[in-house]
Amino acid sequence: MEDIILEVVYKFTKRQMKQNIEHLLSTPETLASSLKPTKIRTTKPRTKKKGTAHSIPDDEHRCQGRIWGGEDSVCLQNDKWNYGERCKNRKMDGSLYCGIHDKSLTHGNFFESPPHDHYKKYTYD
């Protein structure tokens, strides 16, 4: 079956190629235009955009969402366990959270207990 398909494809492409060549030879203008050198497009080298340094908003305007900062973000400070870090984005007007944490608060509010216990595995007694 595969041989039959290959033979049909070969005959079809061979016939198409022959028709294209005959067409080019029958019209000299077409042949000449196909032999013209084509313009090579060059692209401008990309320049890096100079971005502004990201600054963390003051506590009043900072999102209250908790982010997972890795194993090192679970630590004991002043006899209290800190679980994760506080989000560094600016909170939206009329909300306690930024656009990301307003939609999904996976790790909870930074100033409240975490909504799950997976931080506990990094603590020690």
PDB file of N, CA and C in Angstrom:
ATOM      1  N   MET A   1       0.827  -1.195   0.000  1.00  0.00           N
ATOM      2  CA  MET A   1       0.000   0.000   0.000  1.00  0.00           C
ATOM      3  C   MET A   1       0.875   1.264   0.000  1.00  0.00           C
ATOM      4  N   GLU A   2       1.913   1.231   0.844  1.00  0.00           N
ATOM      5  CA  GLU A   2       2.807   2.377   0.941  1.00  0.00           C
ATOM      6  C   GLU A   2       3.496   2.649  -0.393  1.00  0.00           C
ATOM      7  N   ASP A   3       3.873   1.566  -1.117  1.00  0.00           N
ATOM      8  CA  ASP A   3       4.524   1.727  -2.419  1.00  0.00           C
ATOM      9  C   ASP A   3       3.599   2.410  -3.432  1.00  0.00           C
ATOM     10  N   ILE A   4       2.332   2.066  -3.388  1.00  0.00           N
ATOM     11  CA  ILE A   4       1.358   2.664  -4.314  1.00  0.00           C
ATOM     12  C   ILE A   4       1.239   4.161  -4.030  1.00  0.00           C
ATOM     13  N   ILE A   5       1.148   4.517  -2.762  1.00  0.00           N
ATOM     14  CA  ILE A   5       1.029   5.924  -2.390  1.00  0.00           C
ATOM     15  C   ILE A   5       2.261   6.694  -2.844  1.00  0.00           C
ATOM     16  N   LEU A   6       3.439   6.145  -2.597  1.00  0.00           N
ATOM     17  CA  LEU A   6       4.675   6.808  -3.002  1.00  0.00           C
ATOM     18  C   LEU A   6       4.741   6.992  -4.520  1.00  0.00           C
ATOM     19  N   GLU A   7       4.292   5.991  -5.257  1.00  0.00           N
ATOM     20  CA  GLU A   7       4.316   6.075  -6.727  1.00  0.00           C
ATOM     21  C   GLU A   7       3.364   7.173  -7.222  1.00  0.00           C
ATOM     22  N   VAL A   8       2.183   7.253  -6.629  1.00  0.00           N
ATOM     23  CA  VAL A   8       1.213   8.278  -7.020  1.00  0.00           C
ATOM     24  C   VAL A   8       1.774   9.666  -6.721  1.00  0.00           C
ATOM     25  N   VAL A   9       2.350   9.834  -5.555  1.00  0.00           N
ATOM     26  CA  VAL A   9       2.925  11.132  -5.168  1.00  0.00           C
ATOM     27  C   VAL A   9       4.061  11.492  -6.116  1.00  0.00           C
ATOM     28  N   TYR A  10       4.918  10.534  -6.449  1.00  0.00           N
ATOM     29  CA  TYR A  10       6.052  10.786  -7.341  1.00  0.00           C
ATOM     30  C   TYR A  10       5.566  11.211  -8.729  1.00  0.00           C
ATOM     31  N   LYS A  11       4.579  10.485  -9.275  1.00  0.00           N
ATOM     32  CA  LYS A  11       4.060  10.825 -10.604  1.00  0.00           C
ATOM     33  C   LYS A  11       3.414  12.210 -10.600  1.00  0.00           C
ATOM     34  N   PHE A  12       2.665  12.513  -9.552  1.00  0.00           N
ATOM     35  CA  PHE A  12       2.000  13.803  -9.472  1.00  0.00           C
ATOM     36  C   PHE A  12       3.020  14.935  -9.409  1.00  0.00           C
ATOM     37  N   THR A  13       4.021  14.824  -8.538  1.00  0.00           N
ATOM     38  CA  THR A  13       5.010  15.899  -8.406  1.00  0.00           C
ATOM     39  C   THR A  13       5.858  16.024  -9.664  1.00  0.00           C
ATOM     40  N   LYS A  14       6.153  14.905 -10.325  1.00  0.00           N
ATOM     41  CA  LYS A  14       6.937  14.944 -11.569  1.00  0.00           C
ATOM     42  C   LYS A  14       6.153  15.696 -12.642  1.00  0.00           C
ATOM     43  N   ARG A  15       4.839  15.407 -12.749  1.00  0.00           N
ATOM     44  CA  ARG A  15       4.001  16.077 -13.734  1.00  0.00           C
ATOM     45  C   ARG A  15       3.889  17.570 -13.420  1.00  0.00           C
ATOM     46  N   GLN A  16       3.707  17.907 -12.144  1.00  0.00           N
ATOM     47  CA  GLN A  16       3.627  19.307 -11.739  1.00  0.00           C
ATOM     48  C   GLN A  16       4.910  20.047 -12.092  1.00  0.00           C
ATOM     49  N   MET A  17       6.053  19.403 -11.853  1.00  0.00           N
ATOM     50  CA  MET A  17       7.334  20.027 -12.130  1.00  0.00           C
ATOM     51  C   MET A  17       7.494  20.253 -13.631  1.00  0.00           C
ATOM     52  N   LYS A  18       7.093  19.279 -14.422  1.00  0.00           N
ATOM     53  CA  LYS A  18       7.205  19.402 -15.875  1.00  0.00           C
ATOM     54  C   LYS A  18       6.324  20.546 -16.377  1.00  0.00           C
ATOM     55  N   GLN A  19       5.112  20.673 -15.848  1.00  0.00           N
ATOM     56  CA  GLN A  19       4.216  21.752 -16.250  1.00  0.00           C
ATOM     57  C   GLN A  19       4.785  23.110 -15.873  1.00  0.00           C
ATOM     58  N   ASN A  20       5.381  23.213 -14.713  1.00  0.00           N
ATOM     59  CA  ASN A  20       5.965  24.479 -14.279  1.00  0.00           C
ATOM     60  C   ASN A  20       7.136  24.883 -15.168  1.00  0.00           C
ATOM     61  N   ILE A  21       7.978  23.931 -15.525  1.00  0.00           N
ATOM     62  CA  ILE A  21       9.127  24.222 -16.389  1.00  0.00           C
ATOM     63  C   ILE A  21       8.644  24.641 -17.775  1.00  0.00           C
ATOM     64  N   GLU A  22       7.651  23.918 -18.316  1.00  0.00           N
ATOM     65  CA  GLU A  22       7.104  24.266 -19.634  1.00  0.00           C
ATOM     66  C   GLU A  22       6.515  25.680 -19.605  1.00  0.00           C
ATOM     67  N   HIS A  23       5.856  26.025 -18.561  1.00  0.00           N
ATOM     68  CA  HIS A  23       5.259  27.350 -18.436  1.00  0.00           C
ATOM     69  C   HIS A  23       6.356  28.424 -18.408  1.00  0.00           C
ATOM     70  N   LEU A  24       7.412  28.192 -17.659  1.00  0.00           N
ATOM     71  CA  LEU A  24       8.513  29.155 -17.585  1.00  0.00           C
ATOM     72  C   LEU A  24       9.176  29.343 -18.942  1.00  0.00           C
ATOM     73  N   LEU A  25       9.376  28.249 -19.670  1.00  0.00           N
ATOM     74  CA  LEU A  25      10.047  28.329 -20.971  1.00  0.00           C
ATOM     75  C   LEU A  25       9.155  28.966 -22.030  1.00  0.00           C
ATOM     76  N   SER A  26       7.858  28.827 -21.906  1.00  0.00           N
ATOM     77  CA  SER A  26       6.952  29.374 -22.913  1.00  0.00           C
ATOM     78  C   SER A  26       6.816  30.890 -22.803  1.00  0.00           C
ATOM     79  N   THR A  27       7.045  31.436 -21.645  1.00  0.00           N
ATOM     80  CA  THR A  27       6.944  32.884 -21.465  1.00  0.00           C
ATOM     81  C   THR A  27       8.287  33.422 -20.990  1.00  0.00           C
ATOM     82  N   PRO A  28       9.065  34.032 -21.876  1.00  0.00           N
ATOM     83  CA  PRO A  28      10.389  34.522 -21.515  1.00  0.00           C
ATOM     84  C   PRO A  28      10.366  35.567 -20.393  1.00  0.00           C
ATOM     85  N   GLU A  29       9.296  36.366 -20.321  1.00  0.00           N
ATOM     86  CA  GLU A  29       9.220  37.376 -19.268  1.00  0.00           C
ATOM     87  C   GLU A  29       9.189  36.719 -17.887  1.00  0.00           C
ATOM     88  N   THR A  30       8.437  35.638 -17.802  1.00  0.00           N
ATOM     89  CA  THR A  30       8.336  34.918 -16.540  1.00  0.00           C
ATOM     90  C   THR A  30       9.683  34.322 -16.170  1.00  0.00           C
ATOM     91  N   LEU A  31      10.368  33.757 -17.162  1.00  0.00           N
ATOM     92  CA  LEU A  31      11.681  33.170 -16.909  1.00  0.00           C
ATOM     93  C   LEU A  31      12.671  34.239 -16.459  1.00  0.00           C
ATOM     94  N   ALA A  32      12.648  35.383 -17.134  1.00  0.00           N
ATOM     95  CA  ALA A  32      13.565  36.463 -16.773  1.00  0.00           C
ATOM     96  C   ALA A  32      13.267  36.991 -15.368  1.00  0.00           C
ATOM     97  N   SER A  33      11.988  37.141 -15.052  1.00  0.00           N
ATOM     98  CA  SER A  33      11.646  37.663 -13.727  1.00  0.00           C
ATOM     99  C   SER A  33      11.998  36.672 -12.624  1.00  0.00           C
ATOM    100  N   SER A  34      11.950  35.389 -12.957  1.00  0.00           N
ATOM    101  CA  SER A  34      12.286  34.402 -11.927  1.00  0.00           C
ATOM    102  C   SER A  34      13.785  34.328 -11.693  1.00  0.00           C
ATOM    103  N   LEU A  35      14.588  34.816 -12.659  1.00  0.00           N
ATOM    104  CA  LEU A  35      16.034  34.787 -12.511  1.00  0.00           C
ATOM    105  C   LEU A  35      16.597  36.070 -11.911  1.00  0.00           C
ATOM    106  N   LYS A  36      15.742  37.094 -11.742  1.00  0.00           N
ATOM    107  CA  LYS A  36      16.208  38.348 -11.156  1.00  0.00           C
ATOM    108  C   LYS A  36      16.645  38.103  -9.717  1.00  0.00           C
ATOM    109  N   PRO A  37      17.718  38.785  -9.322  1.00  0.00           N
ATOM    110  CA  PRO A  37      18.109  38.615  -7.926  1.00  0.00           C
ATOM    111  C   PRO A  37      17.048  39.232  -7.018  1.00  0.00           C
ATOM    112  N   THR A  38      16.758  38.547  -5.982  1.00  0.00           N
ATOM    113  CA  THR A  38      15.749  39.049  -5.061  1.00  0.00           C
ATOM    114  C   THR A  38      16.410  39.934  -4.017  1.00  0.00           C
ATOM    115  N   LYS A  39      15.651  40.870  -3.552  1.00  0.00           N
ATOM    116  CA  LYS A  39      16.165  41.780  -2.543  1.00  0.00           C
ATOM    117  C   LYS A  39      16.244  41.028  -1.210  1.00  0.00           C
ATOM    118  N   ILE A  40      17.379  41.122  -0.601  1.00  0.00           N
ATOM    119  CA  ILE A  40      17.558  40.450   0.673  1.00  0.00           C
ATOM    120  C   ILE A  40      17.137  41.404   1.781  1.00  0.00           C
ATOM    121  N   ARG A  41      16.242  40.936   2.600  1.00  0.00           N
ATOM    122  CA  ARG A  41      15.777  41.757   3.709  1.00  0.00           C
ATOM    123  C   ARG A  41      16.715  41.591   4.894  1.00  0.00           C
ATOM    124  N   THR A  42      17.109  42.689   5.415  1.00  0.00           N
ATOM    125  CA  THR A  42      17.927  42.628   6.624  1.00  0.00           C
ATOM    126  C   THR A  42      17.131  43.229   7.768  1.00  0.00           C
ATOM    127  N   THR A  43      17.371  42.711   8.916  1.00  0.00           N
ATOM    128  CA  THR A  43      16.668  43.234  10.081  1.00  0.00           C
ATOM    129  C   THR A  43      17.616  44.086  10.904  1.00  0.00           C
ATOM    130  N   LYS A  44      17.040  45.054  11.552  1.00  0.00           N
ATOM    131  CA  LYS A  44      17.844  45.907  12.402  1.00  0.00           C
ATOM    132  C   LYS A  44      18.258  45.108  13.635  1.00  0.00           C
ATOM    133  N   PRO A  45      19.462  45.355  14.100  1.00  0.00           N
ATOM    134  CA  PRO A  45      19.840  44.651  15.326  1.00  0.00           C
ATOM    135  C   PRO A  45      18.973  45.132  16.486  1.00  0.00           C
ATOM    136  N   ARG A  46      18.608  44.213  17.321  1.00  0.00           N
ATOM    137  CA  ARG A  46      17.756  44.557  18.459  1.00  0.00           C
ATOM    138  C   ARG A  46      18.556  45.309  19.500  1.00  0.00           C
ATOM    139  N   THR A  47      17.937  46.334  19.996  1.00  0.00           N
ATOM    140  CA  THR A  47      18.579  47.085  21.067  1.00  0.00           C
ATOM    141  C   THR A  47      17.829  46.782  22.353  1.00  0.00           C
ATOM    142  N   LYS A  48      18.575  46.646  23.404  1.00  0.00           N
ATOM    143  CA  LYS A  48      17.942  46.370  24.683  1.00  0.00           C
ATOM    144  C   LYS A  48      17.236  47.609  25.186  1.00  0.00           C
ATOM    145  N   LYS A  49      16.034  47.393  25.665  1.00  0.00           N
ATOM    146  CA  LYS A  49      15.289  48.505  26.239  1.00  0.00           C
ATOM    147  C   LYS A  49      15.853  48.789  27.619  1.00  0.00           C
ATOM    148  N   LYS A  50      16.005  50.044  27.881  1.00  0.00           N
ATOM    149  CA  LYS A  50      16.476  50.426  29.202  1.00  0.00           C
ATOM    150  C   LYS A  50      15.264  50.522  30.112  1.00  0.00           C
ATOM    151  N   GLY A  51      15.145  49.557  30.974  1.00  0.00           N
ATOM    152  CA  GLY A  51      14.022  49.543  31.887  1.00  0.00           C
ATOM    153  C   GLY A  51      14.350  50.295  33.156  1.00  0.00           C
ATOM    154  N   THR A  52      13.318  50.682  33.821  1.00  0.00           N
ATOM    155  CA  THR A  52      13.545  51.359  35.089  1.00  0.00           C
ATOM    156  C   THR A  52      13.700  50.295  36.161  1.00  0.00           C
ATOM    157  N   ALA A  53      14.441  50.599  37.165  1.00  0.00           N
ATOM    158  CA  ALA A  53      14.633  49.662  38.260  1.00  0.00           C
ATOM    159  C   ALA A  53      13.312  49.481  38.991  1.00  0.00           C
ATOM    160  N   HIS A  54      13.000  48.242  39.282  1.00  0.00           N
ATOM    161  CA  HIS A  54      11.759  47.950  39.995  1.00  0.00           C
ATOM    162  C   HIS A  54      11.930  48.355  41.447  1.00  0.00           C
ATOM    163  N   SER A  55      11.033  49.162  41.927  1.00  0.00           N
ATOM    164  CA  SER A  55      11.106  49.564  43.332  1.00  0.00           C
ATOM    165  C   SER A  55       9.922  48.947  44.075  1.00  0.00           C
ATOM    166  N   ILE A  56      10.191  48.520  45.260  1.00  0.00           N
ATOM    167  CA  ILE A  56       9.146  47.922  46.087  1.00  0.00           C
ATOM    168  C   ILE A  56       8.358  49.051  46.744  1.00  0.00           C
ATOM    169  N   PRO A  57       7.029  49.035  46.598  1.00  0.00           N
ATOM    170  CA  PRO A  57       6.214  50.102  47.187  1.00  0.00           C
ATOM    171  C   PRO A  57       6.318  50.092  48.716  1.00  0.00           C
ATOM    172  N   ASP A  58       5.992  51.209  49.326  1.00  0.00           N
ATOM    173  CA  ASP A  58       5.996  51.261  50.786  1.00  0.00           C
ATOM    174  C   ASP A  58       4.876  50.364  51.312  1.00  0.00           C
ATOM    175  N   ASP A  59       4.939  50.021  52.594  1.00  0.00           N
ATOM    176  CA  ASP A  59       4.007  49.051  53.186  1.00  0.00           C
ATOM    177  C   ASP A  59       2.542  49.412  52.980  1.00  0.00           C
ATOM    178  N   GLU A  60       2.233  50.694  52.946  1.00  0.00           N
ATOM    179  CA  GLU A  60       0.845  51.136  52.791  1.00  0.00           C
ATOM    180  C   GLU A  60       0.273  50.751  51.418  1.00  0.00           C
ATOM    181  N   HIS A  61       1.117  50.748  50.390  1.00  0.00           N
ATOM    182  CA  HIS A  61       0.673  50.474  49.020  1.00  0.00           C
ATOM    183  C   HIS A  61       1.099  49.102  48.503  1.00  0.00           C
ATOM    184  N   ARG A  62       1.672  48.290  49.358  1.00  0.00           N
ATOM    185  CA  ARG A  62       2.204  46.988  48.949  1.00  0.00           C
ATOM    186  C   ARG A  62       1.166  45.888  49.134  1.00  0.00           C
ATOM    187  N   CYS A  63       1.141  44.944  48.200  1.00  0.00           N
ATOM    188  CA  CYS A  63       0.224  43.803  48.245  1.00  0.00           C
ATOM    189  C   CYS A  63       0.466  42.993  49.525  1.00  0.00           C
ATOM    190  N   GLN A  64      -0.604  42.443  50.097  1.00  0.00           N
ATOM    191  CA  GLN A  64      -0.489  41.657  51.323  1.00  0.00           C
ATOM    192  C   GLN A  64      -0.480  40.158  51.062  1.00  0.00           C
ATOM    193  N   GLY A  65      -0.353  39.773  49.813  1.00  0.00           N
ATOM    194  CA  GLY A  65      -0.320  38.354  49.477  1.00  0.00           C
ATOM    195  C   GLY A  65       1.002  37.718  49.893  1.00  0.00           C
ATOM    196  N   ARG A  66       0.943  36.433  50.266  1.00  0.00           N
ATOM    197  CA  ARG A  66       2.150  35.687  50.624  1.00  0.00           C
ATOM    198  C   ARG A  66       2.657  34.974  49.375  1.00  0.00           C
ATOM    199  N   ILE A  67       3.961  35.027  49.157  1.00  0.00           N
ATOM    200  CA  ILE A  67       4.574  34.307  48.046  1.00  0.00           C
ATOM    201  C   ILE A  67       5.546  33.277  48.604  1.00  0.00           C
ATOM    202  N   TRP A  68       5.708  32.222  47.881  1.00  0.00           N
ATOM    203  CA  TRP A  68       6.652  31.178  48.279  1.00  0.00           C
ATOM    204  C   TRP A  68       8.032  31.621  47.845  1.00  0.00           C
ATOM    205  N   GLY A  69       8.925  31.806  48.778  1.00  0.00           N
ATOM    206  CA  GLY A  69      10.275  32.280  48.478  1.00  0.00           C
ATOM    207  C   GLY A  69      11.303  31.176  48.562  1.00  0.00           C
ATOM    208  N   GLY A  70      10.865  29.939  48.510  1.00  0.00           N
ATOM    209  CA  GLY A  70      11.798  28.823  48.613  1.00  0.00           C
ATOM    210  C   GLY A  70      11.952  28.382  50.059  1.00  0.00           C
ATOM    211  N   GLU A  71      12.738  27.362  50.230  1.00  0.00           N
ATOM    212  CA  GLU A  71      12.952  26.785  51.555  1.00  0.00           C
ATOM    213  C   GLU A  71      13.511  27.818  52.539  1.00  0.00           C
ATOM    214  N   ASP A  72      14.329  28.735  52.031  1.00  0.00           N
ATOM    215  CA  ASP A  72      14.951  29.744  52.896  1.00  0.00           C
ATOM    216  C   ASP A  72      13.949  30.774  53.414  1.00  0.00           C
ATOM    217  N   SER A  73      12.762  30.840  52.809  1.00  0.00           N
ATOM    218  CA  SER A  73      11.792  31.846  53.252  1.00  0.00           C
ATOM    219  C   SER A  73      11.028  31.405  54.496  1.00  0.00           C
ATOM    220  N   VAL A  74      11.215  30.162  54.923  1.00  0.00           N
ATOM    221  CA  VAL A  74      10.617  29.696  56.169  1.00  0.00           C
ATOM    222  C   VAL A  74      11.694  29.807  57.238  1.00  0.00           C
ATOM    223  N   CYS A  75      11.501  30.754  58.160  1.00  0.00           N
ATOM    224  CA  CYS A  75      12.541  30.974  59.168  1.00  0.00           C
ATOM    225  C   CYS A  75      11.923  31.440  60.481  1.00  0.00           C
ATOM    226  N   LEU A  76      12.684  31.283  61.514  1.00  0.00           N
ATOM    227  CA  LEU A  76      12.257  31.681  62.853  1.00  0.00           C
ATOM    228  C   LEU A  76      12.848  33.043  63.168  1.00  0.00           C
ATOM    229  N   GLN A  77      11.979  34.033  63.409  1.00  0.00           N
ATOM    230  CA  GLN A  77      12.422  35.379  63.753  1.00  0.00           C
ATOM    231  C   GLN A  77      11.661  35.854  64.983  1.00  0.00           C
ATOM    232  N   ASN A  78      12.383  36.285  65.995  1.00  0.00           N
ATOM    233  CA  ASN A  78      11.765  36.787  67.229  1.00  0.00           C
ATOM    234  C   ASN A  78      10.768  35.784  67.819  1.00  0.00           C
ATOM    235  N   ASP A  79      11.177  34.530  67.877  1.00  0.00           N
ATOM    236  CA  ASP A  79      10.338  33.426  68.407  1.00  0.00           C
ATOM    237  C   ASP A  79       9.032  33.240  67.634  1.00  0.00           C
ATOM    238  N   LYS A  80       8.990  33.647  66.382  1.00  0.00           N
ATOM    239  CA  LYS A  80       7.804  33.482  65.537  1.00  0.00           C
ATOM    240  C   LYS A  80       8.241  32.955  64.175  1.00  0.00           C
ATOM    241  N   TRP A  81       7.510  31.970  63.667  1.00  0.00           N
ATOM    242  CA  TRP A  81       7.841  31.405  62.358  1.00  0.00           C
ATOM    243  C   TRP A  81       7.303  32.298  61.248  1.00  0.00           C
ATOM    244  N   ASN A  82       8.140  32.612  60.279  1.00  0.00           N
ATOM    245  CA  ASN A  82       7.716  33.321  59.065  1.00  0.00           C
ATOM    246  C   ASN A  82       7.601  32.292  57.951  1.00  0.00           C
ATOM    247  N   TYR A  83       6.448  32.256  57.323  1.00  0.00           N
ATOM    248  CA  TYR A  83       6.194  31.314  56.237  1.00  0.00           C
ATOM    249  C   TYR A  83       6.095  32.075  54.928  1.00  0.00           C
ATOM    250  N   GLY A  84       7.105  31.979  54.093  1.00  0.00           N
ATOM    251  CA  GLY A  84       7.095  32.665  52.810  1.00  0.00           C
ATOM    252  C   GLY A  84       7.490  34.120  52.960  1.00  0.00           C
ATOM    253  N   GLU A  85       7.269  34.877  51.902  1.00  0.00           N
ATOM    254  CA  GLU A  85       7.612  36.293  51.880  1.00  0.00           C
ATOM    255  C   GLU A  85       6.391  37.091  51.458  1.00  0.00           C
ATOM    256  N   ARG A  86       6.452  38.373  51.661  1.00  0.00           N
ATOM    257  CA  ARG A  86       5.358  39.257  51.244  1.00  0.00           C
ATOM    258  C   ARG A  86       5.554  39.630  49.776  1.00  0.00           C
ATOM    259  N   CYS A  87       4.465  39.648  49.030  1.00  0.00           N
ATOM    260  CA  CYS A  87       4.505  40.023  47.614  1.00  0.00           C
ATOM    261  C   CYS A  87       5.080  41.434  47.469  1.00  0.00           C
ATOM    262  N   LYS A  88       5.847  41.645  46.429  1.00  0.00           N
ATOM    263  CA  LYS A  88       6.520  42.932  46.236  1.00  0.00           C
ATOM    264  C   LYS A  88       5.786  43.864  45.269  1.00  0.00           C
ATOM    265  N   ASN A  89       4.620  43.454  44.785  1.00  0.00           N
ATOM    266  CA  ASN A  89       3.858  44.269  43.835  1.00  0.00           C
ATOM    267  C   ASN A  89       2.996  45.311  44.550  1.00  0.00           C
ATOM    268  N   ARG A  90       2.600  46.313  43.793  1.00  0.00           N
ATOM    269  CA  ARG A  90       1.720  47.369  44.303  1.00  0.00           C
ATOM    270  C   ARG A  90       0.289  46.831  44.317  1.00  0.00           C
ATOM    271  N   LYS A  91      -0.431  47.103  45.410  1.00  0.00           N
ATOM    272  CA  LYS A  91      -1.811  46.629  45.472  1.00  0.00           C
ATOM    273  C   LYS A  91      -2.721  47.515  44.617  1.00  0.00           C
ATOM    274  N   MET A  92      -3.825  46.923  44.181  1.00  0.00           N
ATOM    275  CA  MET A  92      -4.780  47.650  43.354  1.00  0.00           C
ATOM    276  C   MET A  92      -5.605  48.590  44.231  1.00  0.00           C
ATOM    277  N   ASP A  93      -6.139  49.611  43.597  1.00  0.00           N
ATOM    278  CA  ASP A  93      -6.990  50.562  44.326  1.00  0.00           C
ATOM    279  C   ASP A  93      -8.198  49.829  44.905  1.00  0.00           C
ATOM    280  N   GLY A  94      -8.470  50.055  46.162  1.00  0.00           N
ATOM    281  CA  GLY A  94      -9.643  49.463  46.805  1.00  0.00           C
ATOM    282  C   GLY A  94      -9.472  48.000  47.166  1.00  0.00           C
ATOM    283  N   SER A  95      -8.273  47.471  47.122  1.00  0.00           N
ATOM    284  CA  SER A  95      -8.033  46.062  47.431  1.00  0.00           C
ATOM    285  C   SER A  95      -6.791  45.935  48.306  1.00  0.00           C
ATOM    286  N   LEU A  96      -6.673  44.813  48.980  1.00  0.00           N
ATOM    287  CA  LEU A  96      -5.472  44.549  49.769  1.00  0.00           C
ATOM    288  C   LEU A  96      -4.381  43.892  48.926  1.00  0.00           C
ATOM    289  N   TYR A  97      -4.748  43.498  47.689  1.00  0.00           N
ATOM    290  CA  TYR A  97      -3.846  42.676  46.891  1.00  0.00           C
ATOM    291  C   TYR A  97      -3.573  43.273  45.504  1.00  0.00           C
ATOM    292  N   CYS A  98      -2.498  42.792  44.893  1.00  0.00           N
ATOM    293  CA  CYS A  98      -2.175  43.171  43.507  1.00  0.00           C
ATOM    294  C   CYS A  98      -3.104  42.418  42.560  1.00  0.00           C
ATOM    295  N   GLY A  99      -2.962  42.635  41.269  1.00  0.00           N
ATOM    296  CA  GLY A  99      -3.821  41.979  40.283  1.00  0.00           C
ATOM    297  C   GLY A  99      -3.721  40.466  40.313  1.00  0.00           C
ATOM    298  N   ILE A 100      -2.536  39.941  40.578  1.00  0.00           N
ATOM    299  CA  ILE A 100      -2.341  38.489  40.616  1.00  0.00           C
ATOM    300  C   ILE A 100      -3.023  37.889  41.842  1.00  0.00           C
ATOM    301  N   HIS A 101      -2.745  38.453  43.020  1.00  0.00           N
ATOM    302  CA  HIS A 101      -3.282  37.879  44.248  1.00  0.00           C
ATOM    303  C   HIS A 101      -4.757  38.228  44.468  1.00  0.00           C
ATOM    304  N   ASP A 102      -5.276  39.209  43.763  1.00  0.00           N
ATOM    305  CA  ASP A 102      -6.699  39.506  43.840  1.00  0.00           C
ATOM    306  C   ASP A 102      -7.507  38.392  43.176  1.00  0.00           C
ATOM    307  N   LYS A 103      -6.902  37.733  42.182  1.00  0.00           N
ATOM    308  CA  LYS A 103      -7.570  36.629  41.474  1.00  0.00           C
ATOM    309  C   LYS A 103      -7.347  35.296  42.177  1.00  0.00           C
ATOM    310  N   SER A 104      -6.132  35.093  42.704  1.00  0.00           N
ATOM    311  CA  SER A 104      -5.795  33.810  43.302  1.00  0.00           C
ATOM    312  C   SER A 104      -4.854  34.028  44.478  1.00  0.00           C
ATOM    313  N   LEU A 105      -5.306  33.655  45.652  1.00  0.00           N
ATOM    314  CA  LEU A 105      -4.516  33.846  46.863  1.00  0.00           C
ATOM    315  C   LEU A 105      -4.058  32.468  47.358  1.00  0.00           C
ATOM    316  N   THR A 106      -3.173  31.846  46.604  1.00  0.00           N
ATOM    317  CA  THR A 106      -2.743  30.469  46.844  1.00  0.00           C
ATOM    318  C   THR A 106      -2.138  30.266  48.228  1.00  0.00           C
ATOM    319  N   HIS A 107      -1.238  31.159  48.631  1.00  0.00           N
ATOM    320  CA  HIS A 107      -0.525  30.982  49.894  1.00  0.00           C
ATOM    321  C   HIS A 107      -1.079  31.838  51.020  1.00  0.00           C
ATOM    322  N   GLY A 108      -2.181  32.526  50.777  1.00  0.00           N
ATOM    323  CA  GLY A 108      -2.859  33.286  51.811  1.00  0.00           C
ATOM    324  C   GLY A 108      -2.320  34.694  51.991  1.00  0.00           C
ATOM    325  N   ASN A 109      -2.868  35.360  53.010  1.00  0.00           N
ATOM    326  CA  ASN A 109      -2.455  36.712  53.371  1.00  0.00           C
ATOM    327  C   ASN A 109      -1.184  36.620  54.207  1.00  0.00           C
ATOM    328  N   PHE A 110      -0.230  37.495  53.950  1.00  0.00           N
ATOM    329  CA  PHE A 110       1.056  37.459  54.643  1.00  0.00           C
ATOM    330  C   PHE A 110       0.908  37.663  56.145  1.00  0.00           C
ATOM    331  N   PHE A 111      -0.091  38.421  56.565  1.00  0.00           N
ATOM    332  CA  PHE A 111      -0.259  38.746  57.979  1.00  0.00           C
ATOM    333  C   PHE A 111      -1.157  37.747  58.719  1.00  0.00           C
ATOM    334  N   GLU A 112      -1.604  36.713  58.032  1.00  0.00           N
ATOM    335  CA  GLU A 112      -2.426  35.669  58.650  1.00  0.00           C
ATOM    336  C   GLU A 112      -1.708  34.329  58.533  1.00  0.00           C
ATOM    337  N   SER A 113      -2.234  33.321  59.204  1.00  0.00           N
ATOM    338  CA  SER A 113      -1.639  31.979  59.110  1.00  0.00           C
ATOM    339  C   SER A 113      -1.820  31.435  57.697  1.00  0.00           C
ATOM    340  N   PRO A 114      -0.874  30.621  57.215  1.00  0.00           N
ATOM    341  CA  PRO A 114      -1.010  30.046  55.870  1.00  0.00           C
ATOM    342  C   PRO A 114      -2.252  29.145  55.797  1.00  0.00           C
ATOM    343  N   PRO A 115      -2.901  29.081  54.637  1.00  0.00           N
ATOM    344  CA  PRO A 115      -4.118  28.279  54.507  1.00  0.00           C
ATOM    345  C   PRO A 115      -3.852  26.776  54.380  1.00  0.00           C
ATOM    346  N   HIS A 116      -2.595  26.370  54.372  1.00  0.00           N
ATOM    347  CA  HIS A 116      -2.247  24.954  54.258  1.00  0.00           C
ATOM    348  C   HIS A 116      -1.011  24.682  55.114  1.00  0.00           C
ATOM    349  N   ASP A 117      -0.696  23.417  55.317  1.00  0.00           N
ATOM    350  CA  ASP A 117       0.387  23.045  56.223  1.00  0.00           C
ATOM    351  C   ASP A 117       1.697  22.692  55.521  1.00  0.00           C
ATOM    352  N   HIS A 118       1.819  22.937  54.232  1.00  0.00           N
ATOM    353  CA  HIS A 118       3.040  22.466  53.569  1.00  0.00           C
ATOM    354  C   HIS A 118       4.282  23.239  53.994  1.00  0.00           C
ATOM    355  N   TYR A 119       4.124  24.360  54.671  1.00  0.00           N
ATOM    356  CA  TYR A 119       5.281  25.085  55.204  1.00  0.00           C
ATOM    357  C   TYR A 119       5.866  24.377  56.431  1.00  0.00           C
ATOM    358  N   LYS A 120       5.027  23.617  57.138  1.00  0.00           N
ATOM    359  CA  LYS A 120       5.444  22.977  58.385  1.00  0.00           C
ATOM    360  C   LYS A 120       6.625  22.030  58.197  1.00  0.00           C
ATOM    361  N   LYS A 121       6.753  21.437  57.024  1.00  0.00           N
ATOM    362  CA  LYS A 121       7.844  20.472  56.813  1.00  0.00           C
ATOM    363  C   LYS A 121       9.221  21.145  56.847  1.00  0.00           C
ATOM    364  N   TYR A 122       9.273  22.474  56.739  1.00  0.00           N
ATOM    365  CA  TYR A 122      10.557  23.184  56.770  1.00  0.00           C
ATOM    366  C   TYR A 122      10.883  23.717  58.165  1.00  0.00           C
ATOM    367  N   THR A 123       9.978  23.530  59.109  1.00  0.00           N
ATOM    368  CA  THR A 123      10.226  24.015  60.465  1.00  0.00           C
ATOM    369  C   THR A 123      10.908  22.910  61.280  1.00  0.00           C
ATOM    370  N   TYR A 124      11.496  23.301  62.340  1.00  0.00           N
ATOM    371  CA  TYR A 124      12.121  22.340  63.266  1.00  0.00           C
ATOM    372  C   TYR A 124      11.743  22.745  64.676  1.00  0.00           C
ATOM    373  N   ASP A 125      11.703  21.797  65.541  1.00  0.00           N
ATOM    374  CA  ASP A 125      11.314  22.087  66.930  1.00  0.00           C
ATOM    375  C   ASP A 125      12.525  21.994  67.839  1.00  0.00           C
TER     376      ASP A 125
END
